[in-house]
Amino acid sequence: MSSNQGPDPKRSRLVERGQRFYDETLKSKLEPSDVGRFVAIEPESQRYFLDDNGTAALIAAHEAMPGHLFYLVRVGYGAADTVSGYGSRVR
């Protein structure tokens, strides 16, 4: 995607529909017992795949539904993953 284009509408719909399905259907079902696990959601069919790590959830999802796109969320967290690190500055 070049810098002068906006977000991809197909991906934006995937994120919107995936998060809505999680919030409205899965959150109350999964958060009591599965906090920290990952769920890959196919929003159109409302199928989802739960595993201890995001890669495994996505692999299971793609094996069951080849050619589909999935929304990945970490149960009980605001984001599926974080970026962190440590840096030092030498003068």
Protein backbone atom coordinates (compact mmCIF):
# COMPACT_ATOMS: atom_id res chain seq x y z
CA MET A 1 0.00 0.00 0.00
CA SER A 2 1.46 3.35 -0.93
CA SER A 3 1.49 6.22 1.53
CA ASN A 4 -1.21 8.18 -0.32
CA GLN A 5 -3.82 5.44 -0.03
CA GLY A 6 -6.12 4.96 2.92
CA PRO A 7 -6.75 1.73 4.78
CA ASP A 8 -7.86 -1.32 2.81
CA PRO A 9 -11.69 -1.43 3.12
CA LYS A 10 -11.76 -5.25 3.04
CA ARG A 11 -9.35 -5.46 5.97
CA SER A 12 -11.17 -2.70 7.84
CA ARG A 13 -14.43 -4.69 7.55
CA LEU A 14 -12.65 -7.85 8.72
CA VAL A 15 -11.35 -6.07 11.82
CA GLU A 16 -14.70 -4.41 12.55
CA ARG A 17 -16.73 -7.61 12.13
CA GLY A 18 -14.18 -9.78 13.97
CA GLN A 19 -14.02 -7.45 16.95
CA ARG A 20 -17.81 -7.11 17.05
CA PHE A 21 -18.25 -10.90 17.07
CA TYR A 22 -15.66 -11.21 19.83
CA ASP A 23 -17.24 -8.45 21.93
CA GLU A 24 -20.85 -9.55 21.47
CA THR A 25 -20.49 -13.35 21.46
CA LEU A 26 -17.12 -14.71 22.51
CA LYS A 27 -15.94 -12.34 25.23
CA SER A 28 -18.36 -13.52 27.91
CA LYS A 29 -17.83 -17.15 26.91
CA LEU A 30 -14.02 -17.15 26.79
CA GLU A 31 -12.79 -14.54 29.26
CA PRO A 32 -13.67 -16.39 32.44
CA SER A 33 -11.52 -19.41 31.61
CA ASP A 34 -9.30 -18.69 28.58
CA VAL A 35 -7.56 -15.37 29.39
CA GLY A 36 -4.24 -15.16 27.57
CA ARG A 37 -5.15 -17.67 24.84
CA PHE A 38 -5.61 -16.62 21.22
CA VAL A 39 -8.68 -16.88 19.06
CA ALA A 40 -8.70 -16.67 15.25
CA ILE A 41 -12.13 -15.57 14.04
CA GLU A 42 -13.66 -15.91 10.57
CA PRO A 43 -16.37 -13.25 10.95
CA GLU A 44 -18.60 -14.21 8.03
CA SER A 45 -19.18 -17.80 9.22
CA GLN A 46 -18.57 -16.91 12.88
CA ARG A 47 -16.27 -19.92 13.22
CA TYR A 48 -13.37 -19.48 15.60
CA PHE A 49 -10.25 -21.38 16.55
CA LEU A 50 -8.78 -21.18 20.04
CA ASP A 51 -5.20 -22.08 20.99
CA ASP A 52 -2.44 -21.17 23.42
CA ASN A 53 -0.54 -19.14 20.82
CA GLY A 54 -1.56 -17.03 17.86
CA THR A 55 0.34 -19.01 15.26
CA ALA A 56 -1.30 -22.28 16.24
CA ALA A 57 -4.77 -20.68 16.21
CA LEU A 58 -4.16 -19.27 12.73
CA ILE A 59 -2.74 -22.55 11.40
CA ALA A 60 -5.81 -24.45 12.62
CA ALA A 61 -8.07 -21.81 11.10
CA HIS A 62 -6.32 -21.89 7.71
CA GLU A 63 -6.31 -25.69 7.64
CA ALA A 64 -10.06 -25.79 8.34
CA MET A 65 -10.95 -22.87 6.05
CA PRO A 66 -8.30 -22.39 3.33
CA GLY A 67 -8.48 -19.10 1.47
CA HIS A 68 -10.32 -17.24 4.25
CA LEU A 69 -9.09 -14.27 6.25
CA PHE A 70 -9.11 -14.32 10.03
CA TYR A 71 -9.16 -11.77 12.80
CA LEU A 72 -6.81 -12.66 15.65
CA VAL A 73 -7.45 -11.53 19.20
CA ARG A 74 -5.90 -12.43 22.55
CA VAL A 75 -8.57 -13.31 25.07
CA GLY A 76 -8.76 -10.72 27.84
CA TYR A 77 -6.29 -8.30 26.23
CA GLY A 78 -6.72 -5.12 24.20
CA ALA A 79 -4.31 -6.36 21.51
CA ALA A 80 -3.21 -9.75 20.22
CA ASP A 81 0.46 -8.99 20.86
CA THR A 82 2.80 -6.26 22.03
CA VAL A 83 6.01 -4.83 20.70
CA SER A 84 8.60 -4.07 23.31
CA GLY A 85 12.29 -3.96 23.74
CA TYR A 86 15.21 -2.33 25.38
CA GLY A 87 17.57 0.18 23.95
CA SER A 88 20.50 2.15 25.14
CA ARG A 89 22.14 5.18 23.77
CA VAL A 90 25.89 5.43 23.67
CA ARG A 91 27.51 8.83 23.27
